[in-house]
C-alpha cells in the first residue's frame, strides 16, 4: 500500500505504466514524465534563428545548435566546430538595436561585435565600426574566415556598420529594425554597401 504521507517518492507497476506518488499524494504516470522531458527538449532545440537572407526567408529551421546553424550556413553539421560562437549568437539572437547599447536590453552593431570578439576570441577591438575598419588586416572577400569583420557604408557614411563573418557569405550583425540577425553578404541590399573586410589583428588581450 502506498503511504501518501511518506516524504519519499514511492513507485509501483500498473500494467505498462509506472505510477509515482509523493508527499502530496499526487499520481504521476511515466507518460506525463515523458511529456515534460519532450517539452524541455523541444524548448532547447527550437530556438528561432532570425535571418533576412534571401534564400532562407520563410523557412523554419529547428534542431540542435549544430543542426540549425549548419542549415543556415549550408555546411555539414560536423563543420560547426566553434560551438561556443554559435551558442553565443543564439543567446543574443533577436536582441533589439539600441544606439550605444552594450547589453541584452539593446545593443548596436559595434557593441555586439566588440563583445563577440572579446568573449569568443579574447580580442579587444575599438568601440566604433569606423575605428574597427581602420584596425583590421584587410582581406579580399574570397579570403574571409569565420570571425572576420565585414563593413558597410550605410547612409553615405564610411564604415558606418559592422558585422562578423560566419560561413558561405553569411554574417551576424545588429539590424536597426530586427536586432541581432544573420544576413547574406551577397544579397543586393547589403552587397551594394559592402566596403571593407578583414581580420582582427590584436593579439591576446593579456599581452
Protein backbone atom coordinates (compact mmCIF):
# COMPACT_ATOMS: atom_id res chain seq x y z
CA UNK A 1 0.00 0.00 0.00
CA UNK A 2 1.26 3.47 -0.88
CA UNK A 3 1.73 5.81 2.03
CA UNK A 4 0.71 9.23 0.66
CA UNK A 5 2.19 10.96 3.70
CA UNK A 6 5.63 9.47 3.26
CA UNK A 7 8.12 12.16 2.20
CA UNK A 8 9.91 9.72 -0.07
CA UNK A 9 8.56 9.11 -3.53
CA UNK A 10 7.06 5.61 -3.94
CA UNK A 11 6.51 3.86 -7.21
CA UNK A 12 4.80 0.69 -8.38
CA UNK A 13 3.97 -1.03 -11.63
CA UNK A 14 0.43 -0.81 -13.00
CA UNK A 15 0.28 -2.78 -16.24
CA UNK A 16 2.57 -0.99 -18.67
CA UNK A 17 2.58 2.26 -16.68
CA UNK A 18 4.74 3.27 -13.77
CA UNK A 19 2.80 5.19 -11.14
CA UNK A 20 4.63 7.60 -8.85
CA UNK A 21 3.28 9.28 -5.77
CA UNK A 22 4.97 11.76 -3.50
CA UNK A 23 4.31 13.53 -0.23
CA UNK A 24 1.29 15.33 -1.71
CA UNK A 25 -0.26 12.09 -2.88
CA UNK A 26 -0.15 13.30 -6.48
CA UNK A 27 -0.26 10.49 -9.02
CA UNK A 28 2.18 10.88 -11.93
CA UNK A 29 2.45 8.50 -14.87
CA UNK A 30 5.58 7.77 -16.82
CA UNK A 31 3.77 9.25 -19.85
CA UNK A 32 3.47 12.58 -18.06
CA UNK A 33 7.16 12.50 -17.20
CA UNK A 34 8.00 11.76 -20.84
CA UNK A 35 5.83 14.70 -21.95
CA UNK A 36 7.70 17.04 -19.62
CA UNK A 37 11.04 15.78 -20.92
CA UNK A 38 9.97 16.27 -24.54
CA UNK A 39 8.72 19.78 -23.84
CA UNK A 40 12.01 20.66 -22.18
CA UNK A 41 14.00 19.18 -25.05
CA UNK A 42 11.83 20.99 -27.58
CA UNK A 43 12.42 24.37 -25.94
CA UNK A 44 16.17 23.83 -26.24
CA UNK A 45 16.09 22.76 -29.88
CA UNK A 46 13.54 25.05 -31.47
CA UNK A 47 15.01 28.44 -30.64
CA UNK A 48 14.28 30.62 -33.64
CA UNK A 49 17.12 31.89 -35.77
CA UNK A 50 16.30 35.29 -37.19
CA UNK A 51 17.53 35.81 -40.73
CA UNK A 52 16.71 38.04 -43.68
CA UNK A 53 18.91 36.06 -46.10
CA UNK A 54 17.01 35.78 -49.38
CA UNK A 55 17.50 32.04 -49.70
CA UNK A 56 16.17 31.35 -46.20
CA UNK A 57 13.12 33.58 -45.90
CA UNK A 58 10.03 31.71 -44.76
CA UNK A 59 11.91 28.55 -43.82
CA UNK A 60 11.50 27.12 -40.35
CA UNK A 61 14.80 25.77 -39.08
CA UNK A 62 14.83 23.65 -35.93
CA UNK A 63 17.12 21.22 -34.16
CA UNK A 64 20.30 21.39 -32.14
CA UNK A 65 22.78 24.25 -32.42
CA UNK A 66 24.80 22.24 -34.95
CA UNK A 67 21.72 21.29 -36.97
CA UNK A 68 20.29 24.79 -37.12
CA UNK A 69 23.49 26.64 -37.96
CA UNK A 70 24.66 24.03 -40.46
CA UNK A 71 21.34 24.54 -42.28
CA UNK A 72 21.65 28.34 -42.15
CA UNK A 73 25.27 28.32 -43.34
CA UNK A 74 24.83 25.43 -45.80
CA UNK A 75 27.61 23.32 -44.30
CA UNK A 76 27.75 19.87 -42.72
CA UNK A 77 26.93 19.55 -39.03
CA UNK A 78 30.49 18.40 -38.44
CA UNK A 79 31.77 21.70 -39.81
CA UNK A 80 30.17 23.62 -36.93
CA UNK A 81 33.22 23.27 -34.72
CA UNK A 82 33.15 26.52 -32.75
CA UNK A 83 30.12 25.64 -30.63
CA UNK A 84 30.92 28.49 -28.24
CA UNK A 85 30.49 31.02 -31.07
CA UNK A 86 27.11 29.71 -32.18
CA UNK A 87 25.78 29.38 -28.64
CA UNK A 88 26.85 32.98 -28.09
CA UNK A 89 24.97 34.08 -31.23
CA UNK A 90 21.94 32.04 -30.12
CA UNK A 91 21.89 33.79 -26.75
CA UNK A 92 21.85 37.23 -28.44
CA UNK A 93 19.53 36.38 -31.33
CA UNK A 94 16.77 38.98 -31.68
CA UNK A 95 18.14 41.37 -29.05
CA UNK A 96 16.91 44.79 -30.25
CA UNK A 97 19.07 47.59 -31.61
CA UNK A 98 19.90 50.48 -29.30
CA UNK A 99 22.50 53.08 -30.20
CA UNK A 100 25.30 52.92 -27.65
CA UNK A 101 23.81 49.81 -26.04
CA UNK A 102 26.07 47.13 -24.62
CA UNK A 103 23.70 44.57 -23.10
CA UNK A 104 20.71 42.39 -23.93
CA UNK A 105 18.35 45.25 -23.25
CA UNK A 106 19.60 46.72 -26.52
CA UNK A 107 22.87 46.83 -28.44
CA UNK A 108 24.35 48.39 -31.57
CA UNK A 109 26.43 46.78 -34.31
CA UNK A 110 29.85 47.75 -32.98
CA UNK A 111 28.93 46.91 -29.39
CA UNK A 112 27.81 43.42 -30.39
CA UNK A 113 30.92 42.88 -32.50
CA UNK A 114 33.27 44.00 -29.74
CA UNK A 115 31.59 41.75 -27.15
CA UNK A 116 31.67 38.76 -29.51
CA UNK A 117 35.35 39.24 -30.35
CA UNK A 118 36.23 39.56 -26.68
CA UNK A 119 34.17 36.64 -25.37
CA UNK A 120 34.82 34.19 -28.21
CA UNK A 121 38.32 35.11 -29.39
CA UNK A 122 39.64 37.03 -26.34
CA UNK A 123 40.47 40.01 -28.53
CA UNK A 124 39.86 43.65 -27.69
CA UNK A 125 38.91 45.93 -30.57
CA UNK A 126 37.92 49.61 -30.89
CA UNK A 127 34.36 50.58 -29.95
CA UNK A 128 33.13 52.11 -33.22
CA UNK A 129 32.73 50.50 -36.63
CA UNK A 130 34.84 53.22 -38.25
CA UNK A 131 37.72 52.61 -35.84
CA UNK A 132 37.42 48.85 -36.29
CA UNK A 133 37.70 49.25 -40.07
CA UNK A 134 40.99 51.05 -39.62
CA UNK A 135 42.42 48.40 -37.32
CA UNK A 136 41.73 45.18 -39.24
CA UNK A 137 44.15 43.36 -41.52
CA UNK A 138 42.42 43.85 -44.85
CA UNK A 139 41.37 40.89 -46.97
CA UNK A 140 39.60 40.13 -50.21
CA UNK A 141 36.10 38.83 -49.61
CA UNK A 142 37.11 35.42 -51.04
CA UNK A 143 39.61 35.13 -48.17
CA UNK A 144 37.11 35.69 -45.37
CA UNK A 145 37.11 33.25 -42.47
CA UNK A 146 34.78 32.72 -39.55
CA UNK A 147 35.24 35.58 -37.07
CA UNK A 148 36.47 38.16 -39.58
CA UNK A 149 34.77 41.55 -39.78
CA UNK A 150 32.72 42.97 -42.65
CA UNK A 151 31.96 46.68 -43.06
CA UNK A 152 29.28 48.67 -44.85
CA UNK A 153 28.74 52.30 -45.84
CA UNK A 154 25.14 52.99 -44.90
CA UNK A 155 23.51 56.42 -45.24
CA UNK A 156 26.54 57.69 -47.12
CA UNK A 157 28.77 57.27 -44.08
CA UNK A 158 32.05 55.41 -44.48
CA UNK A 159 32.29 52.22 -42.42
CA UNK A 160 29.11 53.02 -40.50
CA UNK A 161 28.09 49.39 -39.97
CA UNK A 162 29.95 46.22 -39.00
CA UNK A 163 29.17 42.52 -38.72
CA UNK A 164 31.00 39.27 -38.01
CA UNK A 165 31.52 36.85 -40.90
CA UNK A 166 30.46 33.21 -40.43
CA UNK A 167 30.44 30.90 -43.48
CA UNK A 168 29.26 30.94 -47.11
CA UNK A 169 28.62 34.70 -47.22
CA UNK A 170 26.54 34.70 -44.04
CA UNK A 171 27.34 37.18 -41.29
CA UNK A 172 25.82 38.09 -37.94
CA UNK A 173 25.15 41.71 -37.07
CA UNK A 174 22.63 44.06 -35.46
CA UNK A 175 19.89 45.36 -37.72
CA UNK A 176 18.29 48.64 -36.65
CA UNK A 177 14.85 47.14 -37.30
CA UNK A 178 15.27 43.45 -36.38
CA UNK A 179 18.08 43.41 -33.84
CA UNK A 180 20.68 40.64 -33.84
CA UNK A 181 20.22 38.75 -37.07
CA UNK A 182 22.02 36.62 -39.66
CA UNK A 183 22.18 38.05 -43.20
CA UNK A 184 23.75 37.20 -46.54
CA UNK A 185 26.61 39.40 -47.74
CA UNK A 186 25.70 38.78 -51.39
CA UNK A 187 22.09 39.91 -51.05
CA UNK A 188 21.87 43.13 -53.03
CA UNK A 189 20.74 45.27 -50.10
CA UNK A 190 23.98 44.53 -48.26
CA UNK A 191 26.38 43.93 -51.11
CA UNK A 192 25.89 47.34 -52.68
CA UNK A 193 27.00 48.94 -49.41
CA UNK A 194 29.78 46.43 -48.62
CA UNK A 195 33.05 48.39 -48.43
CA UNK A 196 35.75 46.54 -46.49
CA UNK A 197 36.56 43.31 -44.70
CA UNK A 198 39.43 41.93 -42.69
CA UNK A 199 40.67 40.01 -39.69
CA UNK A 200 41.17 41.36 -36.19
CA UNK A 201 44.89 41.91 -35.71
CA UNK A 202 45.13 42.46 -31.99
CA UNK A 203 46.76 39.63 -30.07
CA UNK A 204 45.51 38.11 -26.87
CA UNK A 205 44.22 40.87 -24.58
CA UNK A 206 46.55 39.69 -21.83
CA UNK A 207 49.58 40.69 -23.91
